[in-house]
Structure formats: structure tokens, C-alpha cells
N, C-alpha and C. Protein backbone atom coordinates (compact mmCIF):
# COMPACT_ATOMS: atom_id res chain seq x y z
N MET A 1 28.54 -18.30 19.99
CA MET A 1 27.14 -18.99 19.63
C MET A 1 26.13 -18.87 20.52
N THR A 2 24.94 -18.47 19.48
CA THR A 2 23.92 -18.33 20.76
C THR A 2 22.99 -19.39 21.09
N GLY A 3 22.15 -19.38 21.72
CA GLY A 3 21.78 -20.27 22.66
C GLY A 3 21.49 -21.71 21.52
N THR A 4 20.80 -22.96 22.54
CA THR A 4 20.50 -24.23 21.85
C THR A 4 18.87 -24.70 21.51
N ILE A 5 18.35 -25.14 20.84
CA ILE A 5 16.94 -25.65 21.03
C ILE A 5 17.35 -27.42 21.03
N GLN A 6 16.35 -27.54 20.86
CA GLN A 6 15.80 -29.42 20.95
C GLN A 6 15.02 -28.80 19.78
N CYS A 7 15.77 -30.01 18.30
CA CYS A 7 15.15 -29.86 17.06
C CYS A 7 14.18 -31.76 17.08
N ALA A 8 13.20 -31.59 16.74
CA ALA A 8 12.70 -33.14 16.59
C ALA A 8 13.21 -34.40 15.80
N GLU A 9 13.67 -32.86 14.63
CA GLU A 9 14.61 -34.01 13.63
C GLU A 9 15.91 -34.70 14.09
N HIS A 10 16.71 -33.11 14.80
CA HIS A 10 18.28 -32.95 14.50
C HIS A 10 18.57 -33.42 16.46
N GLY A 11 17.62 -33.16 16.81
CA GLY A 11 18.15 -33.26 18.61
C GLY A 11 18.89 -32.17 18.98
N ASP A 12 20.26 -31.41 19.75
CA ASP A 12 20.81 -30.66 20.51
C ASP A 12 21.52 -29.70 19.58
N GLN A 13 20.99 -28.60 18.99
CA GLN A 13 21.07 -27.81 18.17
C GLN A 13 21.04 -26.04 17.90
N GLN A 14 22.16 -25.57 17.67
CA GLN A 14 22.36 -23.75 17.79
C GLN A 14 20.74 -23.31 17.13
N MET A 15 20.75 -22.75 17.72
CA MET A 15 19.68 -22.11 17.63
C MET A 15 19.83 -21.04 16.97
N THR A 16 18.80 -20.54 15.74
CA THR A 16 18.74 -19.76 15.03
C THR A 16 17.51 -19.28 14.15
N PHE A 17 17.71 -17.80 13.15
CA PHE A 17 16.91 -16.82 12.84
C PHE A 17 16.45 -16.99 11.86
N VAL A 18 14.92 -17.19 10.73
CA VAL A 18 15.04 -16.34 9.84
C VAL A 18 13.75 -16.25 9.07
N CYS A 19 13.82 -15.53 8.43
CA CYS A 19 12.51 -15.43 7.56
C CYS A 19 11.73 -16.96 7.39
N GLU A 20 9.95 -16.53 7.26
CA GLU A 20 9.56 -17.84 7.31
C GLU A 20 9.64 -18.47 6.20
N HIS A 21 9.42 -17.48 4.95
CA HIS A 21 9.51 -17.71 3.95
C HIS A 21 10.70 -18.75 3.06
N LEU A 22 12.04 -18.58 4.02
CA LEU A 22 13.33 -19.91 4.08
C LEU A 22 12.77 -21.29 4.37
N ILE A 23 12.32 -21.27 5.32
CA ILE A 23 11.92 -22.23 5.80
C ILE A 23 11.52 -23.40 4.98
N ARG A 24 10.63 -23.33 3.85
CA ARG A 24 9.95 -23.91 3.00
C ARG A 24 10.23 -23.94 2.26
N GLY A 25 10.91 -22.64 1.46
CA GLY A 25 11.38 -22.33 0.42
C GLY A 25 12.78 -22.75 -0.76
N LYS A 26 12.24 -22.64 -1.38
CA LYS A 26 13.54 -22.94 -2.97
C LYS A 26 14.18 -21.71 -3.51
N GLY A 27 15.26 -21.77 -3.85
CA GLY A 27 15.30 -20.87 -4.52
C GLY A 27 14.89 -19.67 -4.30
N LEU A 28 14.90 -18.64 -3.43
CA LEU A 28 14.22 -17.45 -2.73
C LEU A 28 15.36 -16.44 -2.29
N GLY A 29 16.88 -17.26 -2.72
CA GLY A 29 17.79 -16.09 -1.56
C GLY A 29 18.19 -16.25 -0.79
N PHE A 30 19.44 -15.70 -0.44
CA PHE A 30 19.80 -15.99 1.00
C PHE A 30 20.30 -15.10 1.09
N ASN A 31 20.13 -14.22 2.86
CA ASN A 31 20.86 -12.52 2.82
C ASN A 31 21.12 -12.86 4.77
N PHE A 32 21.74 -11.74 4.46
CA PHE A 32 22.58 -11.73 5.72
C PHE A 32 23.41 -10.80 6.14
N PHE A 33 23.39 -10.69 7.40
CA PHE A 33 24.90 -9.87 7.46
C PHE A 33 25.93 -10.42 8.55
N PRO A 34 27.12 -10.92 7.71
CA PRO A 34 28.43 -11.69 8.27
C PRO A 34 28.16 -11.04 9.92
N GLU A 35 28.43 -12.39 10.45
CA GLU A 35 29.09 -12.27 12.00
C GLU A 35 29.76 -12.68 12.30
N PRO A 36 31.49 -11.95 12.83
CA PRO A 36 32.15 -13.23 13.25
C PRO A 36 32.67 -14.04 13.96
N ASP A 37 31.35 -14.65 14.73
CA ASP A 37 31.56 -14.72 15.57
C ASP A 37 30.34 -15.89 15.68
N ASN A 38 29.26 -15.86 14.61
CA ASN A 38 28.07 -17.31 14.26
C ASN A 38 28.48 -16.98 12.84
N SER A 39 28.53 -18.25 12.84
CA SER A 39 28.48 -19.04 11.91
C SER A 39 27.51 -19.40 11.32
N ARG A 40 26.44 -18.88 11.59
CA ARG A 40 24.42 -19.09 11.48
C ARG A 40 23.73 -18.11 11.77
N PRO A 41 24.22 -16.92 10.76
CA PRO A 41 23.28 -15.63 11.46
C PRO A 41 22.07 -15.43 10.82
N ASP A 42 21.34 -14.58 11.51
CA ASP A 42 19.61 -14.33 10.67
C ASP A 42 19.87 -14.19 9.83
N ALA A 43 18.76 -15.03 8.87
CA ALA A 43 18.77 -14.28 7.23
C ALA A 43 17.45 -14.55 7.07
N TRP A 44 17.04 -13.83 5.20
CA TRP A 44 16.07 -13.33 4.91
C TRP A 44 16.45 -13.71 3.55
N CYS A 45 15.07 -13.89 2.91
CA CYS A 45 15.12 -14.30 1.56
C CYS A 45 15.30 -12.67 0.61
N ASN A 46 15.49 -12.85 -0.76
CA ASN A 46 15.40 -11.79 -1.25
C ASN A 46 14.06 -10.71 -1.10
N ASP A 47 12.67 -11.59 -1.22
CA ASP A 47 11.98 -10.67 -1.00
C ASP A 47 11.53 -9.90 -0.02
N CYS A 48 12.32 -10.51 1.28
CA CYS A 48 12.45 -10.04 2.43
C CYS A 48 13.12 -8.74 2.31
N GLU A 49 14.48 -8.59 1.83
CA GLU A 49 14.96 -7.80 1.59
C GLU A 49 14.87 -6.58 0.81
N ILE A 50 14.46 -7.23 -0.24
CA ILE A 50 13.56 -5.71 -0.78
C ILE A 50 13.02 -5.06 -0.18
N ILE A 51 12.15 -5.42 0.82
CA ILE A 51 11.26 -4.63 1.81
C ILE A 51 12.00 -4.07 2.39
N ARG A 52 13.24 -4.56 3.34
CA ARG A 52 14.13 -4.74 4.33
C ARG A 52 15.48 -3.09 4.07
N GLU A 53 14.99 -2.59 2.32
CA GLU A 53 16.04 -1.48 1.85
C GLU A 53 15.00 -0.99 2.01
N SER A 54 13.63 -1.04 1.42
CA SER A 54 13.07 -0.41 0.85
C SER A 54 12.49 0.88 1.85
N VAL A 55 12.51 0.81 3.54
CA VAL A 55 12.01 1.19 4.76
C VAL A 55 13.41 1.21 5.71
N ASN A 56 14.77 0.89 4.94
CA ASN A 56 16.12 1.58 4.71
C ASN A 56 16.77 0.90 6.76
N GLY A 57 16.00 -0.81 6.29
CA GLY A 57 16.54 -1.29 7.54
C GLY A 57 14.90 -2.06 8.31
N TRP A 58 15.26 -2.91 8.98
CA TRP A 58 14.51 -3.62 10.08
C TRP A 58 13.27 -2.51 10.98
N ASP A 59 12.09 -3.06 10.65
CA ASP A 59 10.88 -1.74 10.99
C ASP A 59 10.21 -2.59 11.38
N GLU A 60 8.91 -2.48 12.18
CA GLU A 60 7.78 -3.38 12.33
C GLU A 60 6.95 -3.84 10.89
N GLU A 61 7.05 -2.67 10.16
CA GLU A 61 6.95 -3.19 8.57
C GLU A 61 7.35 -4.45 7.94
N SER A 62 8.78 -4.20 7.78
CA SER A 62 9.46 -5.24 7.34
C SER A 62 9.84 -6.41 8.22
N GLU A 63 10.03 -6.27 9.13
CA GLU A 63 9.88 -7.70 10.54
C GLU A 63 8.11 -8.70 10.07
N GLY A 64 7.41 -7.56 9.80
CA GLY A 64 6.01 -7.81 9.95
C GLY A 64 5.91 -9.18 8.61
N VAL A 65 6.53 -8.90 7.77
CA VAL A 65 6.71 -9.45 6.43
C VAL A 65 7.37 -10.64 6.39
N ALA A 66 8.52 -10.28 7.20
CA ALA A 66 9.37 -11.82 7.82
C ALA A 66 8.92 -12.37 8.38
N LYS A 67 8.24 -12.29 9.40
CA LYS A 67 7.63 -13.09 10.33
C LYS A 67 8.65 -14.49 10.66
N ILE A 68 10.16 -13.30 11.41
CA ILE A 68 11.49 -14.23 12.13
C ILE A 68 11.05 -15.73 12.63
N SER A 69 11.19 -16.61 12.30
CA SER A 69 10.92 -17.76 13.05
C SER A 69 12.30 -18.11 13.68
N LEU A 70 12.08 -19.33 13.83
CA LEU A 70 13.01 -20.24 15.11
C LEU A 70 13.34 -21.27 13.92
N LEU A 71 14.70 -21.70 13.85
CA LEU A 71 15.20 -22.45 13.31
C LEU A 71 16.22 -23.40 14.34
N CYS A 72 16.30 -25.04 14.13
CA CYS A 72 18.38 -24.96 14.46
C CYS A 72 18.96 -25.04 13.37
N GLY A 73 20.48 -25.13 13.84
CA GLY A 73 21.48 -24.72 13.21
C GLY A 73 21.20 -25.76 11.78
N ALA A 74 21.41 -27.31 12.18
CA ALA A 74 20.85 -27.98 10.90
C ALA A 74 19.76 -27.70 10.25
N CYS A 75 18.38 -27.20 10.35
CA CYS A 75 17.76 -26.97 9.09
C CYS A 75 17.80 -25.49 9.30
N TYR A 76 18.60 -24.78 9.51
CA TYR A 76 19.21 -23.88 9.20
C TYR A 76 20.15 -23.85 7.90
N ASP A 77 20.86 -24.88 7.84
CA ASP A 77 21.77 -24.99 6.96
C ASP A 77 21.03 -26.00 5.65
N ARG A 78 20.24 -26.68 5.97
CA ARG A 78 19.15 -27.13 4.57
C ARG A 78 18.36 -25.90 3.94
N ALA A 79 17.90 -24.88 4.83
CA ALA A 79 17.40 -24.14 4.51
C ALA A 79 18.42 -22.94 3.09
N LYS A 80 19.55 -22.68 3.88
CA LYS A 80 20.24 -21.98 3.67
C LYS A 80 21.07 -23.45 1.82
N MET A 81 21.64 -23.95 2.32
CA MET A 81 21.62 -25.01 0.40
C MET A 81 20.55 -24.90 -0.34
N LEU A 82 18.66 -24.64 0.04
CA LEU A 82 18.14 -24.53 -0.58
C LEU A 82 17.29 -23.15 -1.17
N ASN A 83 17.87 -22.50 -0.55
CA ASN A 83 17.93 -20.81 -0.98
C ASN A 83 18.87 -20.31 -1.67
N SER A 84 20.41 -20.35 -1.32
CA SER A 84 20.94 -19.80 -2.06
C SER A 84 21.51 -20.02 -3.27
N PRO A 85 21.29 -19.91 -3.93
CA PRO A 85 22.26 -19.27 -5.28
C PRO A 85 23.61 -20.21 -5.97
N LYS A 86 22.64 -21.49 -7.03
CA LYS A 86 23.60 -22.51 -7.19
C LYS A 86 24.75 -21.68 -7.86
């Protein structure tokens, strides 16, 4: 498990990172690389995945588009539910 943060809505939670688009988006896709020791790995939307693939991974350009943002674990779970394919 990574560190923790204090969320105004959910209290003490796991610290997670997602592209800014997932925070308020719906149906944008939810991409991540599975991590055996982390049930909430860094995540990004389909548009960020297209850019990441076009530059063969994360670099300054793809990270600039993604604008990785900090979320609490419960907010991450909500973003995953809202953006994952049904």
C-alpha cells in the first residue's frame, strides 16, 4: 500500500494517482498496469492511453496531457466505476 492522505469527504485514505480527466469524467475508459501489491494502481483515461502509446510510454509530452492528480482511495474507486466500460 502507498501512503495515505486526508480526504475532506472520505477521511484518511490510500493515496492514489490518476489523470485529471478521470476525476470528473464519465465513460472515458480506465487504464492501468496491474500491480500485485496495490489494488489501486495509477490510472488514466483512453485519450491519455492513445497519447502514451503514440510516444511509446510516459514522457514529458504524455504526462503533460494527463496532468496526473492525487485522489484518495474512495475517490479513485468512484472514478473507476464511472469511467470503466459497463
